[in-house]
Amino acid sequence: MNAPAAVNESVIESARAFMEPRAPQFAWGQRVVALFDLFNDGSHP
């Protein structure tokens, strides 16, 4: 069962209050290479 959208939004906003912004690891447009393929086991849509 999914929680109401208002609850989800309030949880997201409170999480943002605790997270400090980080500097990006890569420059915009910089080419990167994956070392291995990610696999979705179905636990996340």
C-alpha atoms as a PDB file:
ATOM      1  CA  MET A   1       0.000   0.000   0.000  1.00  0.00           C
ATOM      2  CA  ASN A   2       1.379   3.404  -0.976  1.00  0.00           C
ATOM      3  CA  ALA A   3       1.466   6.389   1.364  1.00  0.00           C
ATOM      4  CA  PRO A   4      -0.376   9.569   0.349  1.00  0.00           C
ATOM      5  CA  ALA A   5       1.594  11.940  -1.877  1.00  0.00           C
ATOM      6  CA  ALA A   6       1.572  14.663   0.808  1.00  0.00           C
ATOM      7  CA  VAL A   7       3.354  12.320   3.229  1.00  0.00           C
ATOM      8  CA  ASN A   8       5.965  11.363   0.636  1.00  0.00           C
ATOM      9  CA  GLU A   9       6.662  15.012  -0.194  1.00  0.00           C
ATOM     10  CA  SER A  10       7.065  15.963   3.484  1.00  0.00           C
ATOM     11  CA  VAL A  11       9.490  13.076   4.020  1.00  0.00           C
ATOM     12  CA  ILE A  12      11.526  14.168   1.003  1.00  0.00           C
ATOM     13  CA  GLU A  13      11.618  17.787   2.178  1.00  0.00           C
ATOM     14  CA  SER A  14      12.728  16.787   5.692  1.00  0.00           C
ATOM     15  CA  ALA A  15      15.457  14.558   4.226  1.00  0.00           C
ATOM     16  CA  ARG A  16      16.743  17.481   2.142  1.00  0.00           C
ATOM     17  CA  ALA A  17      17.000  19.584   5.303  1.00  0.00           C
ATOM     18  CA  PHE A  18      19.535  17.107   6.753  1.00  0.00           C
ATOM     19  CA  MET A  19      21.584  16.569   3.588  1.00  0.00           C
ATOM     20  CA  GLU A  20      24.317  19.056   2.822  1.00  0.00           C
ATOM     21  CA  PRO A  21      24.913  19.798  -0.858  1.00  0.00           C
ATOM     22  CA  ARG A  22      27.928  18.039  -2.339  1.00  0.00           C
ATOM     23  CA  ALA A  23      30.222  19.055  -5.148  1.00  0.00           C
ATOM     24  CA  PRO A  24      29.668  16.963  -8.288  1.00  0.00           C
ATOM     25  CA  GLN A  25      32.198  14.183  -8.922  1.00  0.00           C
ATOM     26  CA  PHE A  26      32.151  14.686 -12.670  1.00  0.00           C
ATOM     27  CA  ALA A  27      32.057  17.753 -14.900  1.00  0.00           C
ATOM     28  CA  TRP A  28      28.963  18.407 -17.005  1.00  0.00           C
ATOM     29  CA  GLY A  29      29.346  16.602 -20.325  1.00  0.00           C
ATOM     30  CA  GLN A  30      32.390  14.627 -19.168  1.00  0.00           C
ATOM     31  CA  ARG A  31      32.482  11.128 -20.627  1.00  0.00           C
ATOM     32  CA  VAL A  32      32.496   8.303 -18.101  1.00  0.00           C
ATOM     33  CA  VAL A  33      32.716   4.523 -18.429  1.00  0.00           C
ATOM     34  CA  ALA A  34      30.887   1.968 -16.282  1.00  0.00           C
ATOM     35  CA  LEU A  35      33.143  -0.734 -14.887  1.00  0.00           C
ATOM     36  CA  PHE A  36      30.296  -3.232 -14.741  1.00  0.00           C
ATOM     37  CA  ASP A  37      26.650  -3.438 -15.754  1.00  0.00           C
ATOM     38  CA  LEU A  38      23.983  -2.735 -13.153  1.00  0.00           C
ATOM     39  CA  PHE A  39      21.352  -5.411 -12.703  1.00  0.00           C
ATOM     40  CA  ASN A  40      17.799  -4.726 -11.500  1.00  0.00           C
ATOM     41  CA  ASP A  41      16.633  -7.752  -9.529  1.00  0.00           C
ATOM     42  CA  GLY A  42      13.073  -6.418  -9.495  1.00  0.00           C
ATOM     43  CA  SER A  43      13.277  -4.883  -6.032  1.00  0.00           C
ATOM     44  CA  HIS A  44      13.244  -1.390  -7.574  1.00  0.00           C
ATOM     45  CA  PRO A  45      11.043  -0.468 -10.531  1.00  0.00           C
END
